[in-house]
Amino acid sequence: MHPDTPRRKRRTALRMAGLAAVVAVALSGCSAEVQRGWLPGNSDNEITDQTGRIVNLWVGSWIAALIVGLITWGLMLWCVAVYRKRKDDNVLPVQLRYHVPLEFMYVVLPIVMVGVLFYYTNRDVTAIQDTSTPTKNHVEVIGKQWSWDFNYLDDDAYETGQHAQDVGAAGTGVLKDQVTLWLPVNESTRFTLESRDVIHSFWVPAFLYKMDMIPGKTNSFQLTPKVIGNYEGKCAELCGEYHSSMLFNVNVVSREDYDKHIAELKAKGQEGSLGLEYSRLQDLESATQEGND
């Protein structure tokens, strides 16, 4: 073996310093992502009025889970190291030992941890799903295999989408051609969710929130978009063969652009709303009624 000369030690120190510098630069570059728990968006300019609350719940949850994990792993490794079998130690260890305070802690501590997590989750989910506050806009979202209909109920206009084709083909611009949901910025919007056939899930990843759409059941939530921009949406519930192509766009625009788009829809004859009479559930009920008659 070569002795550790001063030159060798300096080289090792330089390598370690260089590695530390690279790690520091990498961490500083993604510090904003780390603070948000790697969720999309910007903490200084939240996309909706609910994303900040969702981020705080998520970050707090994984930090608590990480702390519990580190303590648990540390205790496990400590036990492995301290109570490992030594050389020439052939004595069988004690097989049964009582420690009532420790056992009591093992029971109570997890209950307390779950209770704290439940409290904060229930607090935030209740606030997110609160629809008691009046909103300026009301959009009915109807999921169908495998596209979407959007009824702007307060503006008496609608959008209707068609099933996307060749989603996996390169250069087809599939998402660009899909139905688009328009929302005015800085105005509260209530979403009423319905399904024409099977269970779907309305999901805009940038909004950090999704909600199921269940045939025969109406779900709702509300939020206020805060940042003008284009966002992508999709179905988050496996709903059949072409689930992956059940896509849509979201345009958050100014009130002027929103009113202009509504006028364009009415000029194209898309005035009024698309009802649920086209859903499979309604067809089944009609057929059952005819059979009974």
C-alpha atoms as a PDB file:
ATOM      1  CA  MET A   1       0.000   0.000   0.000  1.00  0.00           C
ATOM      2  CA  HIS A   2       1.100   3.557  -0.715  1.00  0.00           C
ATOM      3  CA  PRO A   3       1.525   5.869   2.255  1.00  0.00           C
ATOM      4  CA  ASP A   4      -0.778   8.888   2.486  1.00  0.00           C
ATOM      5  CA  THR A   5       1.539  11.626   1.324  1.00  0.00           C
ATOM      6  CA  PRO A   6       0.576  15.361   1.667  1.00  0.00           C
ATOM      7  CA  ARG A   7       0.060  15.501  -2.112  1.00  0.00           C
ATOM      8  CA  ARG A   8      -2.303  12.517  -2.049  1.00  0.00           C
ATOM      9  CA  LYS A   9      -4.229  14.071   0.838  1.00  0.00           C
ATOM     10  CA  ARG A  10      -4.564  17.373  -1.027  1.00  0.00           C
ATOM     11  CA  ARG A  11      -5.905  15.588  -4.102  1.00  0.00           C
ATOM     12  CA  THR A  12      -8.486  13.758  -2.015  1.00  0.00           C
ATOM     13  CA  ALA A  13      -9.511  17.016  -0.337  1.00  0.00           C
ATOM     14  CA  LEU A  14      -9.858  18.742  -3.713  1.00  0.00           C
ATOM     15  CA  ARG A  15     -12.014  15.903  -5.059  1.00  0.00           C
ATOM     16  CA  MET A  16     -14.277  16.036  -2.025  1.00  0.00           C
ATOM     17  CA  ALA A  17     -14.527  19.827  -2.267  1.00  0.00           C
ATOM     18  CA  GLY A  18     -15.399  19.575  -5.949  1.00  0.00           C
ATOM     19  CA  LEU A  19     -18.065  16.946  -5.259  1.00  0.00           C
ATOM     20  CA  ALA A  20     -19.521  19.097  -2.484  1.00  0.00           C
ATOM     21  CA  ALA A  21     -19.612  22.104  -4.829  1.00  0.00           C
ATOM     22  CA  VAL A  22     -21.443  20.110  -7.517  1.00  0.00           C
ATOM     23  CA  VAL A  23     -23.983  18.847  -4.980  1.00  0.00           C
ATOM     24  CA  ALA A  24     -24.477  22.378  -3.612  1.00  0.00           C
ATOM     25  CA  VAL A  25     -25.062  23.807  -7.089  1.00  0.00           C
ATOM     26  CA  ALA A  26     -27.528  21.010  -7.930  1.00  0.00           C
ATOM     27  CA  LEU A  27     -29.451  21.532  -4.713  1.00  0.00           C
ATOM     28  CA  SER A  28     -29.532  25.302  -5.136  1.00  0.00           C
ATOM     29  CA  GLY A  29     -30.865  24.894  -8.658  1.00  0.00           C
ATOM     30  CA  CYS A  30     -33.783  22.752  -7.520  1.00  0.00           C
ATOM     31  CA  SER A  31     -34.364  24.409  -4.145  1.00  0.00           C
ATOM     32  CA  ALA A  32     -37.691  25.849  -5.336  1.00  0.00           C
ATOM     33  CA  GLU A  33     -38.827  22.388  -6.443  1.00  0.00           C
ATOM     34  CA  VAL A  34     -37.723  20.888  -3.137  1.00  0.00           C
ATOM     35  CA  GLN A  35     -39.690  23.505  -1.199  1.00  0.00           C
ATOM     36  CA  ARG A  36     -42.820  22.517  -3.149  1.00  0.00           C
ATOM     37  CA  GLY A  37     -42.185  18.797  -2.723  1.00  0.00           C
ATOM     38  CA  TRP A  38     -41.502  18.549  -6.476  1.00  0.00           C
ATOM     39  CA  LEU A  39     -45.066  19.578  -7.305  1.00  0.00           C
ATOM     40  CA  PRO A  40     -45.597  21.780 -10.402  1.00  0.00           C
ATOM     41  CA  GLY A  41     -46.091  25.518 -10.043  1.00  0.00           C
ATOM     42  CA  ASN A  42     -44.488  28.503  -8.360  1.00  0.00           C
ATOM     43  CA  SER A  43     -44.936  29.307  -4.675  1.00  0.00           C
ATOM     44  CA  ASP A  44     -44.588  33.038  -5.422  1.00  0.00           C
ATOM     45  CA  ASN A  45     -47.357  32.924  -8.015  1.00  0.00           C
ATOM     46  CA  GLU A  46     -49.822  30.108  -7.294  1.00  0.00           C
ATOM     47  CA  ILE A  47     -51.913  28.961 -10.264  1.00  0.00           C
ATOM     48  CA  THR A  48     -55.152  28.793  -8.253  1.00  0.00           C
ATOM     49  CA  ASP A  49     -56.288  29.945  -4.839  1.00  0.00           C
ATOM     50  CA  GLN A  50     -56.110  26.323  -3.610  1.00  0.00           C
ATOM     51  CA  THR A  51     -52.681  25.174  -4.815  1.00  0.00           C
ATOM     52  CA  GLY A  52     -50.822  26.808  -1.921  1.00  0.00           C
ATOM     53  CA  ARG A  53     -52.913  24.933   0.641  1.00  0.00           C
ATOM     54  CA  ILE A  54     -52.425  21.650  -1.237  1.00  0.00           C
ATOM     55  CA  VAL A  55     -48.652  22.166  -1.435  1.00  0.00           C
ATOM     56  CA  ASN A  56     -48.420  22.897   2.299  1.00  0.00           C
ATOM     57  CA  LEU A  57     -50.375  19.733   3.132  1.00  0.00           C
ATOM     58  CA  TRP A  58     -48.238  17.628   0.807  1.00  0.00           C
ATOM     59  CA  VAL A  59     -44.885  19.017   1.964  1.00  0.00           C
ATOM     60  CA  GLY A  60     -45.824  18.756   5.627  1.00  0.00           C
ATOM     61  CA  SER A  61     -46.934  15.143   5.122  1.00  0.00           C
ATOM     62  CA  TRP A  62     -43.779  13.934   3.392  1.00  0.00           C
ATOM     63  CA  ILE A  63     -41.493  15.786   5.819  1.00  0.00           C
ATOM     64  CA  ALA A  64     -43.267  14.109   8.734  1.00  0.00           C
ATOM     65  CA  ALA A  65     -43.053  10.735   6.952  1.00  0.00           C
ATOM     66  CA  LEU A  66     -39.345  11.278   6.227  1.00  0.00           C
ATOM     67  CA  ILE A  67     -38.610  12.108   9.877  1.00  0.00           C
ATOM     68  CA  VAL A  68     -40.463   8.991  11.051  1.00  0.00           C
ATOM     69  CA  GLY A  69     -38.621   6.924   8.447  1.00  0.00           C
ATOM     70  CA  LEU A  70     -35.191   8.235   9.462  1.00  0.00           C
ATOM     71  CA  ILE A  71     -35.884   7.536  13.143  1.00  0.00           C
ATOM     72  CA  THR A  72     -37.178   4.051  12.328  1.00  0.00           C
ATOM     73  CA  TRP A  73     -34.266   3.195  10.029  1.00  0.00           C
ATOM     74  CA  GLY A  74     -31.803   4.631  12.530  1.00  0.00           C
ATOM     75  CA  LEU A  75     -33.159   2.490  15.354  1.00  0.00           C
ATOM     76  CA  MET A  76     -33.117  -0.602  13.160  1.00  0.00           C
ATOM     77  CA  LEU A  77     -29.499  -0.051  12.099  1.00  0.00           C
ATOM     78  CA  TRP A  78     -28.528   0.759  15.682  1.00  0.00           C
ATOM     79  CA  CYS A  79     -30.024  -2.530  16.868  1.00  0.00           C
ATOM     80  CA  VAL A  80     -28.267  -4.406  14.055  1.00  0.00           C
ATOM     81  CA  ALA A  81     -24.929  -2.863  15.025  1.00  0.00           C
ATOM     82  CA  VAL A  82     -25.189  -3.013  18.822  1.00  0.00           C
ATOM     83  CA  TYR A  83     -26.905  -6.369  19.222  1.00  0.00           C
ATOM     84  CA  ARG A  84     -25.194  -8.229  16.411  1.00  0.00           C
ATOM     85  CA  LYS A  85     -23.756 -11.648  17.113  1.00  0.00           C
ATOM     86  CA  ARG A  86     -20.132 -11.440  18.225  1.00  0.00           C
ATOM     87  CA  LYS A  87     -17.384 -13.908  17.473  1.00  0.00           C
ATOM     88  CA  ASP A  88     -17.324 -16.877  19.844  1.00  0.00           C
ATOM     89  CA  ASP A  89     -20.680 -15.783  21.320  1.00  0.00           C
ATOM     90  CA  ASN A  90     -22.761 -18.940  21.366  1.00  0.00           C
ATOM     91  CA  VAL A  91     -25.181 -17.931  24.128  1.00  0.00           C
ATOM     92  CA  LEU A  92     -28.816 -17.839  23.062  1.00  0.00           C
ATOM     93  CA  PRO A  93     -30.236 -14.324  23.761  1.00  0.00           C
ATOM     94  CA  VAL A  94     -33.286 -13.769  25.929  1.00  0.00           C
ATOM     95  CA  GLN A  95     -36.349 -14.776  23.923  1.00  0.00           C
ATOM     96  CA  LEU A  96     -39.049 -13.031  25.960  1.00  0.00           C
ATOM     97  CA  ARG A  97     -38.742  -9.685  27.698  1.00  0.00           C
ATOM     98  CA  TYR A  98     -41.388  -7.180  28.835  1.00  0.00           C
ATOM     99  CA  HIS A  99     -40.996  -3.408  28.709  1.00  0.00           C
ATOM    100  CA  VAL A 100     -44.421  -1.928  29.417  1.00  0.00           C
ATOM    101  CA  PRO A 101     -43.541   1.789  28.867  1.00  0.00           C
ATOM    102  CA  LEU A 102     -41.917   0.964  25.520  1.00  0.00           C
ATOM    103  CA  GLU A 103     -44.842  -1.182  24.424  1.00  0.00           C
ATOM    104  CA  PHE A 104     -47.251   1.545  25.496  1.00  0.00           C
ATOM    105  CA  MET A 105     -45.332   4.056  23.380  1.00  0.00           C
ATOM    106  CA  TYR A 106     -45.474   1.703  20.364  1.00  0.00           C
ATOM    107  CA  VAL A 107     -49.284   1.709  20.621  1.00  0.00           C
ATOM    108  CA  VAL A 108     -49.962   5.347  21.500  1.00  0.00           C
ATOM    109  CA  LEU A 109     -47.415   7.072  19.256  1.00  0.00           C
ATOM    110  CA  PRO A 110     -48.773   5.698  15.935  1.00  0.00           C
ATOM    111  CA  ILE A 111     -52.308   6.646  17.021  1.00  0.00           C
ATOM    112  CA  VAL A 112     -51.156  10.200  17.741  1.00  0.00           C
ATOM    113  CA  MET A 113     -49.320  10.395  14.404  1.00  0.00           C
ATOM    114  CA  VAL A 114     -52.339   9.184  12.431  1.00  0.00           C
ATOM    115  CA  GLY A 115     -54.583  11.554  14.393  1.00  0.00           C
ATOM    116  CA  VAL A 116     -52.403  14.568  13.556  1.00  0.00           C
ATOM    117  CA  LEU A 117     -52.292  13.596   9.868  1.00  0.00           C
ATOM    118  CA  PHE A 118     -56.070  13.083   9.844  1.00  0.00           C
ATOM    119  CA  TYR A 119     -56.672  16.482  11.462  1.00  0.00           C
ATOM    120  CA  TYR A 120     -54.671  18.486   8.921  1.00  0.00           C
ATOM    121  CA  THR A 121     -55.918  16.440   5.970  1.00  0.00           C
ATOM    122  CA  ASN A 122     -59.551  16.833   7.015  1.00  0.00           C
ATOM    123  CA  ARG A 123     -59.058  20.565   7.644  1.00  0.00           C
ATOM    124  CA  ASP A 124     -57.585  21.215   4.205  1.00  0.00           C
ATOM    125  CA  VAL A 125     -59.832  18.854   2.214  1.00  0.00           C
ATOM    126  CA  THR A 126     -62.901  20.405   3.860  1.00  0.00           C
ATOM    127  CA  ALA A 127     -61.709  23.886   2.861  1.00  0.00           C
ATOM    128  CA  ILE A 128     -60.852  22.786  -0.687  1.00  0.00           C
ATOM    129  CA  GLN A 129     -64.230  21.116  -1.233  1.00  0.00           C
ATOM    130  CA  ASP A 130     -66.259  23.919   0.355  1.00  0.00           C
ATOM    131  CA  THR A 131     -68.778  25.184  -2.206  1.00  0.00           C
ATOM    132  CA  SER A 132     -70.815  27.436   0.087  1.00  0.00           C
ATOM    133  CA  THR A 133     -69.256  30.672  -1.200  1.00  0.00           C
ATOM    134  CA  PRO A 134     -71.029  32.233  -4.213  1.00  0.00           C
ATOM    135  CA  THR A 135     -69.008  32.114  -7.442  1.00  0.00           C
ATOM    136  CA  LYS A 136     -68.974  34.314 -10.537  1.00  0.00           C
ATOM    137  CA  ASN A 137     -68.975  31.434 -13.016  1.00  0.00           C
ATOM    138  CA  HIS A 138     -70.501  27.973 -13.223  1.00  0.00           C
ATOM    139  CA  VAL A 139     -69.136  25.273 -15.531  1.00  0.00           C
ATOM    140  CA  GLU A 140     -70.724  21.853 -15.928  1.00  0.00           C
ATOM    141  CA  VAL A 141     -68.121  19.268 -16.947  1.00  0.00           C
ATOM    142  CA  ILE A 142     -69.464  16.073 -18.506  1.00  0.00           C
ATOM    143  CA  GLY A 143     -67.118  13.128 -19.038  1.00  0.00           C
ATOM    144  CA  LYS A 144     -67.778  10.616 -21.783  1.00  0.00           C
ATOM    145  CA  GLN A 145     -65.854   7.831 -23.461  1.00  0.00           C
ATOM    146  CA  TRP A 146     -63.447   9.317 -24.401  1.00  0.00           C
ATOM    147  CA  SER A 147     -63.740  13.080 -24.395  1.00  0.00           C
ATOM    148  CA  TRP A 148     -65.448  15.973 -22.624  1.00  0.00           C
ATOM    149  CA  ASP A 149     -68.358  18.392 -22.851  1.00  0.00           C
ATOM    150  CA  PHE A 150     -68.177  21.772 -21.107  1.00  0.00           C
ATOM    151  CA  ASN A 151     -71.360  23.755 -20.425  1.00  0.00           C
ATOM    152  CA  TYR A 152     -70.833  27.415 -19.469  1.00  0.00           C
ATOM    153  CA  LEU A 153     -74.109  27.584 -17.575  1.00  0.00           C
ATOM    154  CA  ASP A 154     -73.990  31.280 -16.663  1.00  0.00           C
ATOM    155  CA  ASP A 155     -73.138  32.276 -20.235  1.00  0.00           C
ATOM    156  CA  ASP A 156     -75.505  29.882 -22.043  1.00  0.00           C
ATOM    157  CA  ALA A 157     -72.839  28.305 -24.287  1.00  0.00           C
ATOM    158  CA  TYR A 158     -71.058  24.994 -24.559  1.00  0.00           C
ATOM    159  CA  GLU A 159     -67.961  23.191 -25.874  1.00  0.00           C
ATOM    160  CA  THR A 160     -68.078  19.595 -27.089  1.00  0.00           C
ATOM    161  CA  GLY A 161     -65.123  17.300 -27.696  1.00  0.00           C
ATOM    162  CA  GLN A 162     -64.445  14.294 -29.872  1.00  0.00           C
ATOM    163  CA  HIS A 163     -62.376  11.239 -29.070  1.00  0.00           C
ATOM    164  CA  ALA A 164     -58.696  11.824 -29.878  1.00  0.00           C
ATOM    165  CA  GLN A 165     -57.152   9.616 -32.558  1.00  0.00           C
ATOM    166  CA  ASP A 166     -53.584   8.269 -32.894  1.00  0.00           C
ATOM    167  CA  VAL A 167     -52.465   9.580 -29.508  1.00  0.00           C
ATOM    168  CA  GLY A 168     -49.174   7.707 -29.655  1.00  0.00           C
ATOM    169  CA  ALA A 169     -48.229   8.935 -33.135  1.00  0.00           C
ATOM    170  CA  ALA A 170     -45.468  11.536 -33.245  1.00  0.00           C
ATOM    171  CA  GLY A 171     -46.199  14.973 -34.655  1.00  0.00           C
ATOM    172  CA  THR A 172     -49.966  14.570 -34.746  1.00  0.00           C
ATOM    173  CA  GLY A 173     -50.687  17.506 -32.425  1.00  0.00           C
ATOM    174  CA  VAL A 174     -53.381  15.482 -30.695  1.00  0.00           C
ATOM    175  CA  LEU A 175     -53.638  17.558 -27.537  1.00  0.00           C
ATOM    176  CA  LYS A 176     -53.669  20.820 -29.468  1.00  0.00           C
ATOM    177  CA  ASP A 177     -56.757  19.685 -31.343  1.00  0.00           C
ATOM    178  CA  GLN A 178     -58.734  18.616 -28.277  1.00  0.00           C
ATOM    179  CA  VAL A 179     -61.622  20.422 -26.626  1.00  0.00           C
ATOM    180  CA  THR A 180     -60.581  23.415 -24.544  1.00  0.00           C
ATOM    181  CA  LEU A 181     -62.034  24.681 -21.285  1.00  0.00           C
ATOM    182  CA  TRP A 182     -61.878  28.484 -20.989  1.00  0.00           C
ATOM    183  CA  LEU A 183     -61.744  30.160 -17.582  1.00  0.00           C
ATOM    184  CA  PRO A 184     -61.533  33.877 -16.719  1.00  0.00           C
ATOM    185  CA  VAL A 185     -58.561  34.748 -14.517  1.00  0.00           C
ATOM    186  CA  ASN A 186     -59.107  35.960 -10.940  1.00  0.00           C
ATOM    187  CA  GLU A 187     -62.770  34.948 -11.014  1.00  0.00           C
ATOM    188  CA  SER A 188     -64.155  32.141  -8.888  1.00  0.00           C
ATOM    189  CA  THR A 189     -65.610  29.212 -10.818  1.00  0.00           C
ATOM    190  CA  ARG A 190     -67.814  26.386  -9.606  1.00  0.00           C
ATOM    191  CA  PHE A 191     -67.371  23.042 -11.370  1.00  0.00           C
ATOM    192  CA  THR A 192     -70.243  20.576 -11.492  1.00  0.00           C
ATOM    193  CA  LEU A 193     -69.056  17.136 -12.583  1.00  0.00           C
ATOM    194  CA  GLU A 194     -71.200  14.543 -14.366  1.00  0.00           C
ATOM    195  CA  SER A 195     -70.571  11.369 -16.367  1.00  0.00           C
ATOM    196  CA  ARG A 196     -72.437  10.026 -19.372  1.00  0.00           C
ATOM    197  CA  ASP A 197     -71.260   6.408 -19.078  1.00  0.00           C
ATOM    198  CA  VAL A 198     -68.581   5.097 -16.668  1.00  0.00           C
ATOM    199  CA  ILE A 199     -66.503   6.550 -13.859  1.00  0.00           C
ATOM    200  CA  HIS A 200     -64.095   9.260 -15.013  1.00  0.00           C
ATOM    201  CA  SER A 201     -61.938  11.734 -13.103  1.00  0.00           C
ATOM    202  CA  PHE A 202     -61.521  15.424 -13.946  1.00  0.00           C
ATOM    203  CA  TRP A 203     -57.845  16.321 -13.486  1.00  0.00           C
ATOM    204  CA  VAL A 204     -55.784  19.399 -14.313  1.00  0.00           C
ATOM    205  CA  PRO A 205     -52.305  18.536 -12.927  1.00  0.00           C
ATOM    206  CA  ALA A 206     -51.264  22.195 -12.676  1.00  0.00           C
ATOM    207  CA  PHE A 207     -54.269  22.823 -10.381  1.00  0.00           C
ATOM    208  CA  LEU A 208     -53.046  20.014  -8.059  1.00  0.00           C
ATOM    209  CA  TYR A 209     -56.564  18.691  -7.714  1.00  0.00           C
ATOM    210  CA  LYS A 210     -58.838  16.087  -9.275  1.00  0.00           C
ATOM    211  CA  MET A 211     -62.319  14.763  -8.570  1.00  0.00           C
ATOM    212  CA  ASP A 212     -64.194  11.661  -9.706  1.00  0.00           C
ATOM    213  CA  MET A 213     -67.186  11.793 -12.041  1.00  0.00           C
ATOM    214  CA  ILE A 214     -69.646   9.017 -11.192  1.00  0.00           C
ATOM    215  CA  PRO A 215     -72.720   8.102 -13.263  1.00  0.00           C
ATOM    216  CA  GLY A 216     -75.876   9.118 -11.420  1.00  0.00           C
ATOM    217  CA  LYS A 217     -73.977  11.218  -8.870  1.00  0.00           C
ATOM    218  CA  THR A 218     -73.145  14.930  -9.068  1.00  0.00           C
ATOM    219  CA  ASN A 219     -69.828  16.109  -7.589  1.00  0.00           C
ATOM    220  CA  SER A 220     -68.691  19.710  -7.360  1.00  0.00           C
ATOM    221  CA  PHE A 221     -65.840  21.938  -6.261  1.00  0.00           C
ATOM    222  CA  GLN A 222     -64.752  25.499  -6.879  1.00  0.00           C
ATOM    223  CA  LEU A 223     -61.543  27.457  -7.317  1.00  0.00           C
ATOM    224  CA  THR A 224     -60.173  30.728  -8.645  1.00  0.00           C
ATOM    225  CA  PRO A 225     -57.521  30.634 -11.405  1.00  0.00           C
ATOM    226  CA  LYS A 226     -54.792  33.166 -10.609  1.00  0.00           C
ATOM    227  CA  VAL A 227     -52.349  32.907 -13.536  1.00  0.00           C
ATOM    228  CA  ILE A 228     -53.119  33.428 -17.225  1.00  0.00           C
ATOM    229  CA  GLY A 229     -51.816  30.527 -19.288  1.00  0.00           C
ATOM    230  CA  ASN A 230     -52.461  27.268 -21.081  1.00  0.00           C
ATOM    231  CA  TYR A 231     -52.723  24.056 -19.086  1.00  0.00           C
ATOM    232  CA  GLU A 232     -53.340  20.404 -19.848  1.00  0.00           C
ATOM    233  CA  GLY A 233     -56.062  18.187 -18.456  1.00  0.00           C
ATOM    234  CA  LYS A 234     -56.865  14.497 -18.612  1.00  0.00           C
ATOM    235  CA  CYS A 235     -58.971  11.732 -17.149  1.00  0.00           C
ATOM    236  CA  ALA A 236     -57.354  10.237 -14.048  1.00  0.00           C
ATOM    237  CA  GLU A 237     -59.580   7.161 -13.763  1.00  0.00           C
ATOM    238  CA  LEU A 238     -59.122   4.100 -15.973  1.00  0.00           C
ATOM    239  CA  CYS A 239     -62.277   4.230 -18.067  1.00  0.00           C
ATOM    240  CA  GLY A 240     -61.809   1.838 -20.944  1.00  0.00           C
ATOM    241  CA  GLU A 241     -59.725   1.095 -24.003  1.00  0.00           C
ATOM    242  CA  TYR A 242     -58.931   4.692 -24.989  1.00  0.00           C
ATOM    243  CA  HIS A 243     -58.560   6.153 -21.503  1.00  0.00           C
ATOM    244  CA  SER A 244     -55.113   7.542 -22.350  1.00  0.00           C
ATOM    245  CA  SER A 245     -56.562   9.701 -25.126  1.00  0.00           C
ATOM    246  CA  MET A 246     -59.235  11.341 -22.964  1.00  0.00           C
ATOM    247  CA  LEU A 247     -57.492  14.716 -23.003  1.00  0.00           C
ATOM    248  CA  PHE A 248     -58.446  18.381 -22.888  1.00  0.00           C
ATOM    249  CA  ASN A 249     -56.881  21.825 -22.644  1.00  0.00           C
ATOM    250  CA  VAL A 250     -57.487  24.664 -20.220  1.00  0.00           C
ATOM    251  CA  ASN A 251     -57.073  28.312 -21.201  1.00  0.00           C
ATOM    252  CA  VAL A 252     -57.030  30.815 -18.335  1.00  0.00           C
ATOM    253  CA  VAL A 253     -57.591  34.195 -19.970  1.00  0.00           C
ATOM    254  CA  SER A 254     -58.690  37.730 -19.257  1.00  0.00           C
ATOM    255  CA  ARG A 255     -62.397  38.544 -18.922  1.00  0.00           C
ATOM    256  CA  GLU A 256     -62.306  40.287 -22.330  1.00  0.00           C
ATOM    257  CA  ASP A 257     -60.867  37.222 -24.081  1.00  0.00           C
ATOM    258  CA  TYR A 258     -63.314  34.970 -22.253  1.00  0.00           C
ATOM    259  CA  ASP A 259     -66.335  37.022 -23.364  1.00  0.00           C
ATOM    260  CA  LYS A 260     -64.988  37.057 -26.911  1.00  0.00           C
ATOM    261  CA  HIS A 261     -64.721  33.261 -26.919  1.00  0.00           C
ATOM    262  CA  ILE A 262     -68.261  32.846 -25.563  1.00  0.00           C
ATOM    263  CA  ALA A 263     -69.508  35.100 -28.367  1.00  0.00           C
ATOM    264  CA  GLU A 264     -67.655  32.948 -30.898  1.00  0.00           C
ATOM    265  CA  LEU A 265     -69.298  29.807 -29.527  1.00  0.00           C
ATOM    266  CA  LYS A 266     -72.760  31.329 -29.836  1.00  0.00           C
ATOM    267  CA  ALA A 267     -71.988  32.520 -33.357  1.00  0.00           C
ATOM    268  CA  LYS A 268     -71.168  28.899 -34.277  1.00  0.00           C
ATOM    269  CA  GLY A 269     -74.520  27.752 -32.920  1.00  0.00           C
ATOM    270  CA  GLN A 270     -73.131  26.323 -29.679  1.00  0.00           C
ATOM    271  CA  GLU A 271     -75.663  28.158 -27.555  1.00  0.00           C
ATOM    272  CA  GLY A 272     -77.409  26.612 -24.579  1.00  0.00           C
ATOM    273  CA  SER A 273     -76.076  23.460 -22.925  1.00  0.00           C
ATOM    274  CA  LEU A 274     -75.693  19.758 -23.608  1.00  0.00           C
ATOM    275  CA  GLY A 275     -77.884  17.819 -21.191  1.00  0.00           C
ATOM    276  CA  LEU A 276     -77.512  14.385 -19.674  1.00  0.00           C
ATOM    277  CA  GLU A 277     -80.242  12.939 -21.880  1.00  0.00           C
ATOM    278  CA  TYR A 278     -77.432  11.567 -24.058  1.00  0.00           C
ATOM    279  CA  SER A 279     -75.908   9.527 -21.227  1.00  0.00           C
ATOM    280  CA  ARG A 280     -76.039   5.756 -20.983  1.00  0.00           C
ATOM    281  CA  LEU A 281     -77.713   5.956 -17.595  1.00  0.00           C
ATOM    282  CA  GLN A 282     -80.629   7.895 -19.049  1.00  0.00           C
ATOM    283  CA  ASP A 283     -80.901   5.437 -21.950  1.00  0.00           C
ATOM    284  CA  LEU A 284     -80.993   2.540 -19.504  1.00  0.00           C
ATOM    285  CA  GLU A 285     -83.668   4.196 -17.390  1.00  0.00           C
ATOM    286  CA  SER A 286     -85.771   4.912 -20.493  1.00  0.00           C
ATOM    287  CA  ALA A 287     -85.449   1.314 -21.681  1.00  0.00           C
ATOM    288  CA  THR A 288     -86.397   0.024 -18.225  1.00  0.00           C
ATOM    289  CA  GLN A 289     -89.424   2.319 -18.118  1.00  0.00           C
ATOM    290  CA  GLU A 290     -90.558   1.170 -21.570  1.00  0.00           C
ATOM    291  CA  GLY A 291     -90.156  -2.442 -20.476  1.00  0.00           C
ATOM    292  CA  ASN A 292     -92.264  -1.860 -17.396  1.00  0.00           C
ATOM    293  CA  ASP A 293     -94.963  -0.194 -19.464  1.00  0.00           C
END
